[in-house]
């Protein structure tokens, strides 16, 4: 079997954590009939997987071109994705200025979203600590390790 790259390892671990969180979010769905937890975990997990990809590719592009603004562009796009996810879930959970009515299925979705955001950061930190890398050098090629 082919050896996975660091990005692929992080994405696989993130997917496994996402599935575990989704299985845990099934408990409130079946016990209390609250699908919001599962909706929040699903949206948060998807955003976090995209954020892990953007983290990796952003550092790769910045290191290749040695332009700081490109790293900052990827960084702010990741932060904007966090905020967009939070805003979308909040709008559907609580409504917006009387124009958008709250969706009952989104009750507690914000908590599910926050629960999904947290472990993914731990995944990234754990992989970086294991390989003794910083955020800036996370995407350096494996050839450097072989030398």
N, C-alpha and C. Protein backbone atom coordinates (compact mmCIF):
# COMPACT_ATOMS: atom_id res chain seq x y z
N UNK A 1 0.83 -1.18 0.00
CA UNK A 1 0.00 0.00 0.00
C UNK A 1 0.88 1.25 0.00
N UNK A 2 0.45 2.23 -0.76
CA UNK A 2 1.21 3.46 -0.91
C UNK A 2 1.21 4.26 0.39
N UNK A 3 2.37 4.82 0.71
CA UNK A 3 2.49 5.62 1.92
C UNK A 3 1.76 6.96 1.71
N UNK A 4 0.98 7.35 2.70
CA UNK A 4 0.21 8.58 2.60
C UNK A 4 1.08 9.79 2.90
N UNK A 5 0.80 10.90 2.21
CA UNK A 5 1.50 12.15 2.51
C UNK A 5 0.98 12.71 3.82
N UNK A 6 1.66 13.72 4.31
CA UNK A 6 1.26 14.33 5.59
C UNK A 6 -0.14 14.94 5.49
N UNK A 7 -0.43 15.58 4.36
CA UNK A 7 -1.76 16.16 4.17
C UNK A 7 -2.83 15.07 4.16
N UNK A 8 -2.56 13.99 3.46
CA UNK A 8 -3.52 12.89 3.40
C UNK A 8 -3.73 12.27 4.78
N UNK A 9 -2.66 12.15 5.55
CA UNK A 9 -2.79 11.62 6.92
C UNK A 9 -3.69 12.52 7.76
N UNK A 10 -3.46 13.83 7.66
CA UNK A 10 -4.28 14.77 8.44
C UNK A 10 -5.74 14.70 8.01
N UNK A 11 -5.97 14.60 6.72
CA UNK A 11 -7.35 14.55 6.23
C UNK A 11 -8.04 13.25 6.63
N UNK A 12 -7.30 12.14 6.62
CA UNK A 12 -7.89 10.87 7.05
C UNK A 12 -8.21 10.90 8.54
N UNK A 13 -7.29 11.42 9.34
CA UNK A 13 -7.55 11.52 10.78
C UNK A 13 -8.74 12.45 11.03
N UNK A 14 -8.81 13.56 10.30
CA UNK A 14 -9.93 14.49 10.45
C UNK A 14 -11.25 13.83 10.07
N UNK A 15 -11.23 13.02 9.02
CA UNK A 15 -12.45 12.32 8.62
C UNK A 15 -12.88 11.31 9.68
N UNK A 16 -11.93 10.61 10.26
CA UNK A 16 -12.25 9.65 11.32
C UNK A 16 -12.84 10.36 12.53
N UNK A 17 -12.23 11.50 12.92
CA UNK A 17 -12.76 12.28 14.04
C UNK A 17 -14.16 12.80 13.70
N UNK A 18 -14.37 13.22 12.47
CA UNK A 18 -15.68 13.72 12.05
C UNK A 18 -16.75 12.64 12.15
N UNK A 19 -16.41 11.44 11.72
CA UNK A 19 -17.38 10.33 11.81
C UNK A 19 -17.67 10.00 13.27
N UNK A 20 -16.64 10.01 14.11
CA UNK A 20 -16.86 9.74 15.54
C UNK A 20 -17.76 10.80 16.17
N UNK A 21 -17.52 12.07 15.81
CA UNK A 21 -18.38 13.14 16.34
C UNK A 21 -19.81 13.02 15.83
N UNK A 22 -19.96 12.63 14.56
CA UNK A 22 -21.30 12.46 14.01
C UNK A 22 -22.03 11.32 14.72
N UNK A 23 -21.31 10.26 15.04
CA UNK A 23 -21.94 9.16 15.77
C UNK A 23 -22.36 9.60 17.17
N UNK A 24 -21.53 10.42 17.81
CA UNK A 24 -21.91 10.96 19.12
C UNK A 24 -23.11 11.91 19.01
N UNK A 25 -23.19 12.64 17.90
CA UNK A 25 -24.30 13.57 17.70
C UNK A 25 -25.61 12.84 17.40
N UNK A 26 -25.53 11.56 17.11
CA UNK A 26 -26.76 10.79 16.91
C UNK A 26 -27.50 10.55 18.22
N UNK A 27 -26.79 10.62 19.34
CA UNK A 27 -27.43 10.40 20.65
C UNK A 27 -28.52 11.44 20.90
N UNK A 28 -28.23 12.77 20.77
CA UNK A 28 -29.32 13.72 20.98
C UNK A 28 -30.42 13.60 19.93
N UNK A 29 -30.06 13.13 18.74
CA UNK A 29 -31.07 12.97 17.70
C UNK A 29 -32.09 11.92 18.09
N UNK A 30 -31.63 10.78 18.56
CA UNK A 30 -32.55 9.70 18.90
C UNK A 30 -33.15 9.82 20.29
N UNK A 31 -32.40 10.38 21.23
CA UNK A 31 -32.89 10.48 22.60
C UNK A 31 -33.83 11.68 22.77
N UNK A 32 -33.40 12.86 22.30
CA UNK A 32 -34.18 14.08 22.54
C UNK A 32 -34.83 14.63 21.26
N UNK A 33 -34.68 13.94 20.15
CA UNK A 33 -35.23 14.38 18.86
C UNK A 33 -34.75 15.78 18.49
N UNK A 34 -33.44 16.00 18.65
CA UNK A 34 -32.81 17.27 18.32
C UNK A 34 -31.76 17.06 17.22
N UNK A 35 -32.14 17.28 15.96
CA UNK A 35 -31.18 17.08 14.87
C UNK A 35 -30.14 18.19 14.76
N UNK A 36 -30.31 19.27 15.50
CA UNK A 36 -29.38 20.40 15.40
C UNK A 36 -27.95 20.04 15.72
N UNK A 37 -27.76 19.19 16.71
CA UNK A 37 -26.40 18.76 17.06
C UNK A 37 -25.72 18.11 15.86
N UNK A 38 -26.42 17.21 15.19
CA UNK A 38 -25.85 16.51 14.03
C UNK A 38 -25.62 17.48 12.87
N UNK A 39 -26.54 18.41 12.66
CA UNK A 39 -26.36 19.41 11.61
C UNK A 39 -25.13 20.26 11.89
N UNK A 40 -24.99 20.72 13.12
CA UNK A 40 -23.83 21.52 13.49
C UNK A 40 -22.52 20.77 13.35
N UNK A 41 -22.51 19.52 13.79
CA UNK A 41 -21.29 18.70 13.67
C UNK A 41 -20.95 18.48 12.20
N UNK A 42 -21.95 18.25 11.37
CA UNK A 42 -21.71 18.03 9.95
C UNK A 42 -21.12 19.27 9.27
N UNK A 43 -21.73 20.41 9.53
CA UNK A 43 -21.24 21.66 8.93
C UNK A 43 -19.84 21.99 9.47
N UNK A 44 -19.65 21.88 10.78
CA UNK A 44 -18.35 22.17 11.38
C UNK A 44 -17.25 21.24 10.89
N UNK A 45 -17.57 19.97 10.74
CA UNK A 45 -16.56 19.01 10.27
C UNK A 45 -16.15 19.30 8.83
N UNK A 46 -17.12 19.64 8.00
CA UNK A 46 -16.81 19.97 6.61
C UNK A 46 -15.93 21.21 6.53
N UNK A 47 -16.27 22.23 7.31
CA UNK A 47 -15.46 23.45 7.32
C UNK A 47 -14.05 23.16 7.83
N UNK A 48 -13.93 22.33 8.84
CA UNK A 48 -12.61 22.03 9.40
C UNK A 48 -11.75 21.24 8.42
N UNK A 49 -12.32 20.33 7.69
CA UNK A 49 -11.55 19.57 6.70
C UNK A 49 -11.04 20.51 5.61
N UNK A 50 -11.89 21.44 5.16
CA UNK A 50 -11.46 22.43 4.18
C UNK A 50 -10.37 23.33 4.78
N UNK A 51 -10.51 23.67 6.05
CA UNK A 51 -9.51 24.51 6.71
C UNK A 51 -8.16 23.81 6.83
N UNK A 52 -8.17 22.52 7.10
CA UNK A 52 -6.91 21.77 7.16
C UNK A 52 -6.24 21.78 5.79
N UNK A 53 -7.01 21.59 4.75
CA UNK A 53 -6.48 21.63 3.39
C UNK A 53 -5.90 23.02 3.08
N UNK A 54 -6.64 24.08 3.44
CA UNK A 54 -6.17 25.44 3.19
C UNK A 54 -4.91 25.76 4.00
N UNK A 55 -4.81 25.24 5.21
CA UNK A 55 -3.62 25.44 6.03
C UNK A 55 -2.40 24.85 5.34
N UNK A 56 -2.55 23.64 4.87
CA UNK A 56 -1.44 22.94 4.23
C UNK A 56 -1.05 23.63 2.92
N UNK A 57 -2.04 23.89 2.08
CA UNK A 57 -1.75 24.49 0.77
C UNK A 57 -1.29 25.94 0.90
N UNK A 58 -1.81 26.66 1.88
CA UNK A 58 -1.38 28.03 2.08
C UNK A 58 0.08 28.13 2.44
N UNK A 59 0.53 27.25 3.32
CA UNK A 59 1.95 27.29 3.68
C UNK A 59 2.81 26.82 2.52
N UNK A 60 2.30 25.88 1.73
CA UNK A 60 3.05 25.40 0.57
C UNK A 60 3.24 26.51 -0.46
N UNK A 61 2.17 27.23 -0.76
CA UNK A 61 2.24 28.33 -1.73
C UNK A 61 3.16 29.44 -1.21
N UNK A 62 3.02 29.78 0.06
CA UNK A 62 3.84 30.85 0.63
C UNK A 62 5.31 30.48 0.63
N UNK A 63 5.64 29.22 0.92
CA UNK A 63 7.04 28.81 0.93
C UNK A 63 7.62 28.73 -0.48
N UNK A 64 6.79 28.34 -1.43
CA UNK A 64 7.28 28.22 -2.80
C UNK A 64 7.56 29.60 -3.39
N UNK A 65 6.65 30.54 -3.16
CA UNK A 65 6.77 31.87 -3.76
C UNK A 65 7.44 32.88 -2.84
N UNK A 66 7.62 32.53 -1.56
CA UNK A 66 8.21 33.41 -0.56
C UNK A 66 7.52 34.77 -0.50
N UNK A 67 6.20 34.74 -0.55
CA UNK A 67 5.42 35.97 -0.45
C UNK A 67 4.49 35.86 0.75
N UNK A 68 4.69 36.74 1.70
CA UNK A 68 3.95 36.69 2.95
C UNK A 68 2.47 36.93 2.74
N UNK A 69 2.11 37.80 1.80
CA UNK A 69 0.71 38.12 1.62
C UNK A 69 -0.11 36.90 1.18
N UNK A 70 0.53 35.96 0.49
CA UNK A 70 -0.20 34.76 0.09
C UNK A 70 -0.53 33.90 1.30
N UNK A 71 0.40 33.78 2.23
CA UNK A 71 0.11 33.04 3.46
C UNK A 71 -1.00 33.73 4.23
N UNK A 72 -0.96 35.06 4.32
CA UNK A 72 -1.99 35.80 5.03
C UNK A 72 -3.34 35.68 4.33
N UNK A 73 -3.34 35.63 3.01
CA UNK A 73 -4.59 35.46 2.27
C UNK A 73 -5.24 34.12 2.60
N UNK A 74 -4.45 33.06 2.65
CA UNK A 74 -4.97 31.75 3.03
C UNK A 74 -5.43 31.75 4.49
N UNK A 75 -4.66 32.41 5.34
CA UNK A 75 -5.02 32.47 6.76
C UNK A 75 -6.37 33.17 6.94
N UNK A 76 -6.53 34.34 6.32
CA UNK A 76 -7.78 35.07 6.48
C UNK A 76 -8.95 34.37 5.80
N UNK A 77 -8.68 33.62 4.74
CA UNK A 77 -9.77 32.84 4.13
C UNK A 77 -10.22 31.72 5.07
N UNK A 78 -9.28 31.14 5.80
CA UNK A 78 -9.65 30.12 6.79
C UNK A 78 -10.48 30.73 7.92
N UNK A 79 -10.07 31.88 8.41
CA UNK A 79 -10.81 32.54 9.48
C UNK A 79 -12.20 32.97 8.99
N UNK A 80 -12.27 33.45 7.75
CA UNK A 80 -13.57 33.84 7.18
C UNK A 80 -14.48 32.63 7.07
N UNK A 81 -13.93 31.48 6.74
CA UNK A 81 -14.73 30.26 6.65
C UNK A 81 -15.30 29.89 8.02
N UNK A 82 -14.50 30.04 9.07
CA UNK A 82 -15.00 29.81 10.43
C UNK A 82 -16.18 30.73 10.73
N UNK A 83 -16.01 32.01 10.43
CA UNK A 83 -17.05 32.98 10.73
C UNK A 83 -18.30 32.76 9.89
N UNK A 84 -18.14 32.43 8.62
CA UNK A 84 -19.30 32.17 7.76
C UNK A 84 -20.08 30.98 8.29
N UNK A 85 -19.39 29.92 8.68
CA UNK A 85 -20.07 28.76 9.25
C UNK A 85 -20.85 29.13 10.50
N UNK A 86 -20.22 29.92 11.37
CA UNK A 86 -20.88 30.35 12.61
C UNK A 86 -22.09 31.23 12.31
N UNK A 87 -21.94 32.17 11.38
CA UNK A 87 -23.04 33.06 11.04
C UNK A 87 -24.21 32.31 10.40
N UNK A 88 -23.92 31.40 9.48
CA UNK A 88 -24.99 30.65 8.82
C UNK A 88 -25.77 29.84 9.83
N UNK A 89 -25.07 29.15 10.70
CA UNK A 89 -25.76 28.34 11.71
C UNK A 89 -26.54 29.23 12.68
N UNK A 90 -25.96 30.37 13.05
CA UNK A 90 -26.66 31.28 13.97
C UNK A 90 -27.91 31.86 13.32
N UNK A 91 -27.82 32.22 12.05
CA UNK A 91 -28.99 32.77 11.36
C UNK A 91 -30.10 31.74 11.27
N UNK A 92 -29.75 30.51 10.92
CA UNK A 92 -30.79 29.47 10.83
C UNK A 92 -31.30 29.05 12.20
N UNK A 93 -30.47 29.20 13.23
CA UNK A 93 -30.91 28.81 14.58
C UNK A 93 -31.81 29.86 15.21
N UNK A 94 -31.46 31.13 15.05
CA UNK A 94 -32.15 32.19 15.77
C UNK A 94 -32.91 33.17 14.89
N UNK A 95 -32.79 33.04 13.59
CA UNK A 95 -33.45 33.99 12.69
C UNK A 95 -32.57 35.21 12.49
N UNK A 96 -33.07 36.15 11.65
CA UNK A 96 -32.28 37.34 11.37
C UNK A 96 -33.19 38.53 11.15
N UNK A 97 -33.20 39.43 12.10
CA UNK A 97 -33.93 40.70 12.02
C UNK A 97 -35.40 40.54 11.62
N UNK A 98 -35.99 39.45 11.97
CA UNK A 98 -37.40 39.23 11.67
C UNK A 98 -37.68 38.85 10.22
N UNK A 99 -36.66 38.88 9.37
CA UNK A 99 -36.85 38.56 7.96
C UNK A 99 -36.67 37.06 7.69
N UNK A 100 -35.77 36.45 8.42
CA UNK A 100 -35.54 35.01 8.31
C UNK A 100 -36.00 34.38 9.61
N UNK A 101 -36.93 33.48 9.51
CA UNK A 101 -37.46 32.81 10.68
C UNK A 101 -36.50 31.70 11.13
N UNK A 102 -36.39 31.46 12.43
CA UNK A 102 -35.54 30.37 12.90
C UNK A 102 -36.07 29.01 12.42
N UNK A 103 -35.15 28.14 12.09
CA UNK A 103 -35.51 26.78 11.66
C UNK A 103 -35.42 25.88 12.90
N UNK A 104 -36.53 25.25 13.28
CA UNK A 104 -36.52 24.43 14.51
C UNK A 104 -35.48 23.30 14.49
N UNK A 105 -35.17 22.77 13.34
CA UNK A 105 -34.20 21.68 13.25
C UNK A 105 -32.79 22.13 13.63
N UNK A 106 -32.53 23.43 13.59
CA UNK A 106 -31.20 23.95 13.89
C UNK A 106 -31.01 24.28 15.37
N UNK A 107 -31.96 23.92 16.21
CA UNK A 107 -31.81 24.17 17.64
C UNK A 107 -30.57 23.41 18.14
N UNK A 108 -29.70 24.09 18.84
CA UNK A 108 -28.42 23.57 19.36
C UNK A 108 -27.38 23.27 18.28
N UNK A 109 -27.60 23.73 17.05
CA UNK A 109 -26.63 23.49 15.98
C UNK A 109 -25.33 24.25 16.23
N UNK A 110 -25.42 25.39 16.88
CA UNK A 110 -24.20 26.15 17.18
C UNK A 110 -23.27 25.34 18.08
N UNK A 111 -23.84 24.64 19.06
CA UNK A 111 -23.02 23.83 19.96
C UNK A 111 -22.38 22.68 19.19
N UNK A 112 -23.12 22.08 18.28
CA UNK A 112 -22.54 21.02 17.45
C UNK A 112 -21.43 21.55 16.56
N UNK A 113 -21.61 22.77 16.04
CA UNK A 113 -20.58 23.39 15.21
C UNK A 113 -19.31 23.63 16.02
N UNK A 114 -19.45 24.17 17.21
CA UNK A 114 -18.28 24.43 18.06
C UNK A 114 -17.60 23.13 18.50
N UNK A 115 -18.40 22.10 18.73
CA UNK A 115 -17.84 20.80 19.08
C UNK A 115 -17.04 20.23 17.92
N UNK A 116 -17.48 20.46 16.69
CA UNK A 116 -16.76 19.95 15.52
C UNK A 116 -15.50 20.76 15.24
N UNK A 117 -15.51 22.07 15.55
CA UNK A 117 -14.33 22.89 15.30
C UNK A 117 -13.15 22.50 16.19
N UNK A 118 -13.40 22.19 17.43
CA UNK A 118 -12.33 22.01 18.42
C UNK A 118 -11.40 20.83 18.14
N UNK A 119 -11.90 19.59 17.92
CA UNK A 119 -10.95 18.48 17.77
C UNK A 119 -10.07 18.57 16.53
N UNK A 120 -10.52 19.28 15.52
CA UNK A 120 -9.71 19.36 14.31
C UNK A 120 -8.44 20.15 14.56
N UNK A 121 -8.53 21.17 15.41
CA UNK A 121 -7.32 21.91 15.76
C UNK A 121 -6.35 21.01 16.51
N UNK A 122 -6.88 20.14 17.33
CA UNK A 122 -6.05 19.19 18.06
C UNK A 122 -5.38 18.22 17.10
N UNK A 123 -6.09 17.80 16.04
CA UNK A 123 -5.51 16.90 15.03
C UNK A 123 -4.31 17.57 14.37
N UNK A 124 -4.47 18.82 13.96
CA UNK A 124 -3.38 19.53 13.30
C UNK A 124 -2.19 19.69 14.25
N UNK A 125 -2.46 20.10 15.47
CA UNK A 125 -1.38 20.29 16.44
C UNK A 125 -0.66 18.98 16.74
N UNK A 126 -1.42 17.90 16.89
CA UNK A 126 -0.80 16.60 17.18
C UNK A 126 0.10 16.13 16.05
N UNK A 127 -0.36 16.28 14.81
CA UNK A 127 0.46 15.86 13.67
C UNK A 127 1.71 16.73 13.56
N UNK A 128 1.56 18.03 13.80
CA UNK A 128 2.73 18.92 13.72
C UNK A 128 3.72 18.63 14.84
N UNK A 129 3.23 18.36 16.04
CA UNK A 129 4.15 18.05 17.14
C UNK A 129 4.86 16.73 16.91
N UNK A 130 4.14 15.77 16.36
CA UNK A 130 4.76 14.47 16.09
C UNK A 130 5.90 14.61 15.08
N UNK A 131 5.70 15.45 14.07
CA UNK A 131 6.71 15.63 13.04
C UNK A 131 7.64 16.81 13.33
N UNK A 132 7.44 17.46 14.49
CA UNK A 132 8.26 18.59 14.91
C UNK A 132 8.31 19.68 13.85
N UNK A 133 7.12 20.09 13.41
CA UNK A 133 7.02 21.14 12.40
C UNK A 133 6.22 22.30 12.95
N UNK A 134 6.44 23.46 12.34
CA UNK A 134 5.65 24.63 12.70
C UNK A 134 4.60 24.84 11.61
N UNK A 135 3.69 25.76 11.85
CA UNK A 135 2.63 26.02 10.87
C UNK A 135 3.22 26.49 9.56
N UNK A 136 4.29 27.27 9.61
CA UNK A 136 4.88 27.81 8.40
C UNK A 136 5.53 26.71 7.57
N UNK A 137 6.13 25.71 8.20
CA UNK A 137 6.85 24.67 7.46
C UNK A 137 6.07 23.37 7.36
N UNK A 138 4.78 23.41 7.62
CA UNK A 138 4.00 22.18 7.65
C UNK A 138 4.00 21.46 6.30
N UNK A 139 4.12 22.22 5.21
CA UNK A 139 4.00 21.59 3.91
C UNK A 139 5.34 21.30 3.24
N UNK A 140 6.44 21.46 3.95
CA UNK A 140 7.72 21.16 3.33
C UNK A 140 7.75 19.71 2.89
N UNK A 141 8.40 19.49 1.79
CA UNK A 141 8.42 18.16 1.19
C UNK A 141 9.15 17.15 2.06
N UNK A 142 8.77 15.89 1.89
CA UNK A 142 9.35 14.82 2.69
C UNK A 142 10.79 14.52 2.30
N UNK A 143 11.26 15.09 1.18
CA UNK A 143 12.65 14.85 0.78
C UNK A 143 13.60 15.44 1.82
N UNK A 144 13.17 16.56 2.46
CA UNK A 144 14.03 17.19 3.47
C UNK A 144 14.26 16.24 4.64
N UNK A 145 13.26 15.43 4.98
CA UNK A 145 13.39 14.50 6.09
C UNK A 145 14.31 13.33 5.75
N UNK A 146 14.39 12.98 4.48
CA UNK A 146 15.20 11.85 4.06
C UNK A 146 16.69 12.20 4.03
N UNK A 147 17.03 13.48 3.94
CA UNK A 147 18.44 13.88 3.83
C UNK A 147 19.16 13.77 5.13
